[in-house]
Amino acid sequence: MTSRIDPVLLAKLVCPVTRTPLRWDDQRGELVSEAAGLAFPVRDGVPVMVVREARVISSE
């Protein structure tokens, strides 16, 4: 399930909600927006930056 994301691409991507940088979660294979509390999936190496596809993360 773990896929990789190009570091150059990661440096250019921002959260579509807050416009803040994203963090790569290697274990889950997701792009995480700490500011929005959302995790965006990466499918077949392609980030899915659609809010309705994002998983809400807890603020623990």
Protein backbone atom coordinates (compact mmCIF):
# COMPACT_ATOMS: atom_id res chain seq x y z
CA MET A 1 0.00 0.00 0.00
CA THR A 2 2.88 2.33 0.65
CA SER A 3 3.73 4.31 -2.44
CA ARG A 4 6.36 6.96 -2.79
CA ILE A 5 6.04 10.59 -3.73
CA ASP A 6 8.68 12.57 -5.57
CA PRO A 7 10.37 15.00 -3.13
CA VAL A 8 10.37 17.73 -5.79
CA LEU A 9 6.60 17.33 -6.22
CA LEU A 10 6.08 17.28 -2.45
CA ALA A 11 7.94 20.58 -2.12
CA LYS A 12 5.50 22.19 -4.58
CA LEU A 13 2.24 20.78 -3.26
CA VAL A 14 0.13 22.70 -0.76
CA CYS A 15 -3.13 21.94 1.01
CA PRO A 16 -6.08 22.98 -1.16
CA VAL A 17 -7.90 24.28 1.94
CA THR A 18 -5.22 26.22 3.84
CA ARG A 19 -2.49 26.65 1.19
CA THR A 20 0.07 25.38 3.73
CA PRO A 21 2.79 22.77 3.05
CA LEU A 22 1.96 19.09 3.27
CA ARG A 23 3.79 16.35 5.14
CA TRP A 24 4.32 12.90 3.64
CA ASP A 25 3.17 10.03 5.89
CA ASP A 26 5.20 7.09 4.58
CA GLN A 27 3.43 4.53 6.76
CA ARG A 28 -0.06 5.39 5.49
CA GLY A 29 0.94 6.65 2.04
CA GLU A 30 -0.86 9.95 2.49
CA LEU A 31 -0.18 13.65 2.25
CA VAL A 32 -1.07 15.27 5.56
CA SER A 33 -2.21 18.82 6.14
CA GLU A 34 -1.68 19.49 9.83
CA ALA A 35 -3.35 22.91 9.49
CA ALA A 36 -6.57 21.54 7.99
CA GLY A 37 -6.57 18.24 9.87
CA LEU A 38 -6.85 16.30 6.62
CA ALA A 39 -4.93 13.48 4.97
CA PHE A 40 -5.04 13.25 1.19
CA PRO A 41 -4.59 9.86 -0.47
CA VAL A 42 -2.00 9.04 -3.10
CA ARG A 43 -3.25 6.54 -5.67
CA ASP A 44 -0.83 4.95 -8.11
CA GLY A 45 1.67 7.68 -7.30
CA VAL A 46 -0.82 10.48 -8.00
CA PRO A 47 -1.88 12.79 -5.15
CA VAL A 48 -5.67 13.12 -4.91
CA MET A 49 -6.06 16.70 -3.71
CA VAL A 50 -9.86 16.67 -3.52
CA VAL A 51 -11.28 17.59 -0.13
CA ARG A 52 -14.15 15.08 -0.30
CA GLU A 53 -11.55 12.30 -0.85
CA ALA A 54 -9.49 13.36 2.19
CA ARG A 55 -9.55 11.58 5.53
CA VAL A 56 -10.15 13.67 8.64
CA ILE A 57 -7.29 13.20 11.11
CA SER A 58 -7.65 13.53 14.84
CA SER A 59 -5.88 16.35 16.65
CA GLU A 60 -4.30 14.18 19.34
